[in-house]
Amino acid sequence: MLKHRGFPGRLRGTDYQFTIRRAATKGITEIKVRERYRDRRKPDLEADEGFLAALIEAFGDEPFERGNLDAGRLSWLFGREVVPAEEPFDAASYEALLRVDMDVARRNFPDIFI
């Protein structure tokens, strides 16, 4: 599992995790699309925004390997701001390639780009 050195481990001042420490021994958590409802709590939305900002700072619109990035946090953005960068896509692989869809990211999180 690739460890993204220099990538923030969590959202500053919170317990919202961005990376994992070690590979799972009992199966890799699959990345899947999670519905973002309008009534989500503000801290959850801030965690999504902070994680997306960290992805953009680290990788821009270039493909990146999932590696030690947290599957749960990726799942909140997956299928919208974060999309597969390869076909076929293995959602349960640490080597899976992803990329940020900058147009969707700008539309959904405009404050990141100010």
C-alpha atoms as a PDB file:
ATOM      1  CA  MET A   1       0.000   0.000   0.000  1.00  0.00           C
ATOM      2  CA  LEU A   2       1.383   3.359  -1.074  1.00  0.00           C
ATOM      3  CA  LYS A   3       1.630   5.876   1.765  1.00  0.00           C
ATOM      4  CA  HIS A   4       1.064   9.439   0.611  1.00  0.00           C
ATOM      5  CA  ARG A   5       3.820  11.259   2.485  1.00  0.00           C
ATOM      6  CA  GLY A   6       2.977  14.844   3.347  1.00  0.00           C
ATOM      7  CA  PHE A   7      -0.769  14.296   2.963  1.00  0.00           C
ATOM      8  CA  PRO A   8      -2.662  15.448   6.089  1.00  0.00           C
ATOM      9  CA  GLY A   9      -3.726  12.540   8.311  1.00  0.00           C
ATOM     10  CA  ARG A  10      -6.913  14.263   9.451  1.00  0.00           C
ATOM     11  CA  LEU A  11      -8.800  17.538   9.339  1.00  0.00           C
ATOM     12  CA  ARG A  12      -7.020  19.942  11.667  1.00  0.00           C
ATOM     13  CA  GLY A  13      -8.673  20.237  15.061  1.00  0.00           C
ATOM     14  CA  THR A  14     -11.040  17.285  14.500  1.00  0.00           C
ATOM     15  CA  ASP A  15     -11.139  13.515  14.497  1.00  0.00           C
ATOM     16  CA  TYR A  16     -12.099  13.359  10.805  1.00  0.00           C
ATOM     17  CA  GLN A  17      -9.572  10.907   9.377  1.00  0.00           C
ATOM     18  CA  PHE A  18      -8.046  11.371   5.902  1.00  0.00           C
ATOM     19  CA  THR A  19      -5.507   8.518   5.861  1.00  0.00           C
ATOM     20  CA  ILE A  20      -5.086   5.080   7.380  1.00  0.00           C
ATOM     21  CA  ARG A  21      -1.944   3.851   9.100  1.00  0.00           C
ATOM     22  CA  ARG A  22      -1.707   0.315   7.768  1.00  0.00           C
ATOM     23  CA  ALA A  23      -3.286  -1.986   5.230  1.00  0.00           C
ATOM     24  CA  ALA A  24      -6.304  -4.005   6.314  1.00  0.00           C
ATOM     25  CA  THR A  25      -5.583  -7.625   7.121  1.00  0.00           C
ATOM     26  CA  LYS A  26      -9.176  -8.847   6.773  1.00  0.00           C
ATOM     27  CA  GLY A  27     -10.146  -7.311   3.451  1.00  0.00           C
ATOM     28  CA  ILE A  28      -9.834  -3.883   1.944  1.00  0.00           C
ATOM     29  CA  THR A  29     -12.713  -1.462   2.460  1.00  0.00           C
ATOM     30  CA  GLU A  30     -14.396  -0.837  -0.870  1.00  0.00           C
ATOM     31  CA  ILE A  31     -14.903   2.705  -2.155  1.00  0.00           C
ATOM     32  CA  LYS A  32     -18.561   3.312  -3.015  1.00  0.00           C
ATOM     33  CA  VAL A  33     -20.827   6.242  -3.765  1.00  0.00           C
ATOM     34  CA  ARG A  34     -22.417   7.669  -0.614  1.00  0.00           C
ATOM     35  CA  GLU A  35     -25.437   9.911  -0.881  1.00  0.00           C
ATOM     36  CA  ARG A  36     -24.808  13.416   0.476  1.00  0.00           C
ATOM     37  CA  TYR A  37     -28.100  14.652   1.850  1.00  0.00           C
ATOM     38  CA  ARG A  38     -28.834  18.364   2.259  1.00  0.00           C
ATOM     39  CA  ASP A  39     -29.237  18.013   6.035  1.00  0.00           C
ATOM     40  CA  ARG A  40     -25.666  16.783   6.686  1.00  0.00           C
ATOM     41  CA  ARG A  41     -24.003  18.392   9.668  1.00  0.00           C
ATOM     42  CA  LYS A  42     -21.688  21.347   9.052  1.00  0.00           C
ATOM     43  CA  PRO A  43     -18.588  19.535  10.441  1.00  0.00           C
ATOM     44  CA  ASP A  44     -19.183  16.691   7.955  1.00  0.00           C
ATOM     45  CA  LEU A  45     -19.356  19.159   5.078  1.00  0.00           C
ATOM     46  CA  GLU A  46     -16.189  20.879   6.318  1.00  0.00           C
ATOM     47  CA  ALA A  47     -14.421  17.501   6.394  1.00  0.00           C
ATOM     48  CA  ASP A  48     -15.463  16.841   2.773  1.00  0.00           C
ATOM     49  CA  GLU A  49     -14.218  20.275   1.740  1.00  0.00           C
ATOM     50  CA  GLY A  50     -10.937  19.901   3.647  1.00  0.00           C
ATOM     51  CA  PHE A  51     -10.280  16.455   2.188  1.00  0.00           C
ATOM     52  CA  LEU A  52     -11.031  17.611  -1.352  1.00  0.00           C
ATOM     53  CA  ALA A  53      -8.780  20.649  -0.887  1.00  0.00           C
ATOM     54  CA  ALA A  54      -5.967  18.347   0.293  1.00  0.00           C
ATOM     55  CA  LEU A  55      -6.482  16.073  -2.743  1.00  0.00           C
ATOM     56  CA  ILE A  56      -6.344  19.038  -5.110  1.00  0.00           C
ATOM     57  CA  GLU A  57      -3.241  20.450  -3.416  1.00  0.00           C
ATOM     58  CA  ALA A  58      -1.466  17.086  -3.519  1.00  0.00           C
ATOM     59  CA  PHE A  59      -2.549  15.797  -6.947  1.00  0.00           C
ATOM     60  CA  GLY A  60      -4.377  18.504  -8.896  1.00  0.00           C
ATOM     61  CA  ASP A  61      -6.269  16.864 -11.751  1.00  0.00           C
ATOM     62  CA  GLU A  62      -3.635  14.146 -12.267  1.00  0.00           C
ATOM     63  CA  PRO A  63      -4.444  10.476 -11.564  1.00  0.00           C
ATOM     64  CA  PHE A  64      -3.382   9.242  -8.134  1.00  0.00           C
ATOM     65  CA  GLU A  65      -3.233   5.890  -6.404  1.00  0.00           C
ATOM     66  CA  ARG A  66      -5.699   5.275  -3.579  1.00  0.00           C
ATOM     67  CA  GLY A  67      -2.940   3.990  -1.302  1.00  0.00           C
ATOM     68  CA  ASN A  68      -3.485   4.922   2.338  1.00  0.00           C
ATOM     69  CA  LEU A  69      -6.300   7.410   1.680  1.00  0.00           C
ATOM     70  CA  ASP A  70      -9.333   6.628   3.844  1.00  0.00           C
ATOM     71  CA  ALA A  71     -12.034   4.735   1.907  1.00  0.00           C
ATOM     72  CA  GLY A  72     -14.839   6.226   3.987  1.00  0.00           C
ATOM     73  CA  ARG A  73     -13.716   9.779   3.319  1.00  0.00           C
ATOM     74  CA  LEU A  74     -13.159   9.012  -0.401  1.00  0.00           C
ATOM     75  CA  SER A  75     -16.643   7.502  -0.604  1.00  0.00           C
ATOM     76  CA  TRP A  76     -18.283  10.822   0.323  1.00  0.00           C
ATOM     77  CA  LEU A  77     -16.695  12.349  -2.808  1.00  0.00           C
ATOM     78  CA  PHE A  78     -16.620   9.276  -5.074  1.00  0.00           C
ATOM     79  CA  GLY A  79     -18.704   9.394  -8.241  1.00  0.00           C
ATOM     80  CA  ARG A  80     -18.842  13.192  -8.150  1.00  0.00           C
ATOM     81  CA  GLU A  81     -15.647  15.104  -7.325  1.00  0.00           C
ATOM     82  CA  VAL A  82     -13.441  11.982  -7.278  1.00  0.00           C
ATOM     83  CA  VAL A  83     -13.812   9.562 -10.197  1.00  0.00           C
ATOM     84  CA  PRO A  84     -12.028   6.426 -11.413  1.00  0.00           C
ATOM     85  CA  ALA A  85      -8.984   7.112 -13.589  1.00  0.00           C
ATOM     86  CA  GLU A  86      -8.832   3.609 -15.067  1.00  0.00           C
ATOM     87  CA  GLU A  87     -11.062   0.956 -16.596  1.00  0.00           C
ATOM     88  CA  PRO A  88     -11.808  -1.520 -15.210  1.00  0.00           C
ATOM     89  CA  PHE A  89     -11.865   0.080 -11.773  1.00  0.00           C
ATOM     90  CA  ASP A  90     -11.316  -2.078  -8.679  1.00  0.00           C
ATOM     91  CA  ALA A  91     -13.003  -0.273  -5.780  1.00  0.00           C
ATOM     92  CA  ALA A  92     -11.384  -2.660  -3.279  1.00  0.00           C
ATOM     93  CA  SER A  93      -7.751  -2.150  -4.293  1.00  0.00           C
ATOM     94  CA  TYR A  94      -5.107   0.040  -2.707  1.00  0.00           C
ATOM     95  CA  GLU A  95      -3.578   0.369  -6.194  1.00  0.00           C
ATOM     96  CA  ALA A  96      -6.786   1.737  -7.771  1.00  0.00           C
ATOM     97  CA  LEU A  97      -6.244   4.956  -9.720  1.00  0.00           C
ATOM     98  CA  LEU A  98      -8.509   7.934  -9.065  1.00  0.00           C
ATOM     99  CA  ARG A  99      -8.584  11.565 -10.161  1.00  0.00           C
ATOM    100  CA  VAL A 100     -10.334  14.758  -9.132  1.00  0.00           C
ATOM    101  CA  ASP A 101     -12.956  16.004 -11.597  1.00  0.00           C
ATOM    102  CA  MET A 102     -12.071  19.685 -11.324  1.00  0.00           C
ATOM    103  CA  ASP A 103     -15.249  20.950 -13.021  1.00  0.00           C
ATOM    104  CA  VAL A 104     -17.501  19.126 -10.550  1.00  0.00           C
ATOM    105  CA  ALA A 105     -15.239  20.126  -7.640  1.00  0.00           C
ATOM    106  CA  ARG A 106     -15.482  23.819  -8.626  1.00  0.00           C
ATOM    107  CA  ARG A 107     -19.253  23.584  -8.928  1.00  0.00           C
ATOM    108  CA  ASN A 108     -19.805  21.743  -5.606  1.00  0.00           C
ATOM    109  CA  PHE A 109     -17.046  23.316  -3.477  1.00  0.00           C
ATOM    110  CA  PRO A 110     -16.404  26.803  -4.924  1.00  0.00           C
ATOM    111  CA  ASP A 111     -14.740  28.094  -1.707  1.00  0.00           C
ATOM    112  CA  ILE A 112     -11.733  25.836  -2.309  1.00  0.00           C
ATOM    113  CA  PHE A 113     -10.889  27.770  -5.475  1.00  0.00           C
ATOM    114  CA  ILE A 114     -11.100  31.312  -4.111  1.00  0.00           C
END
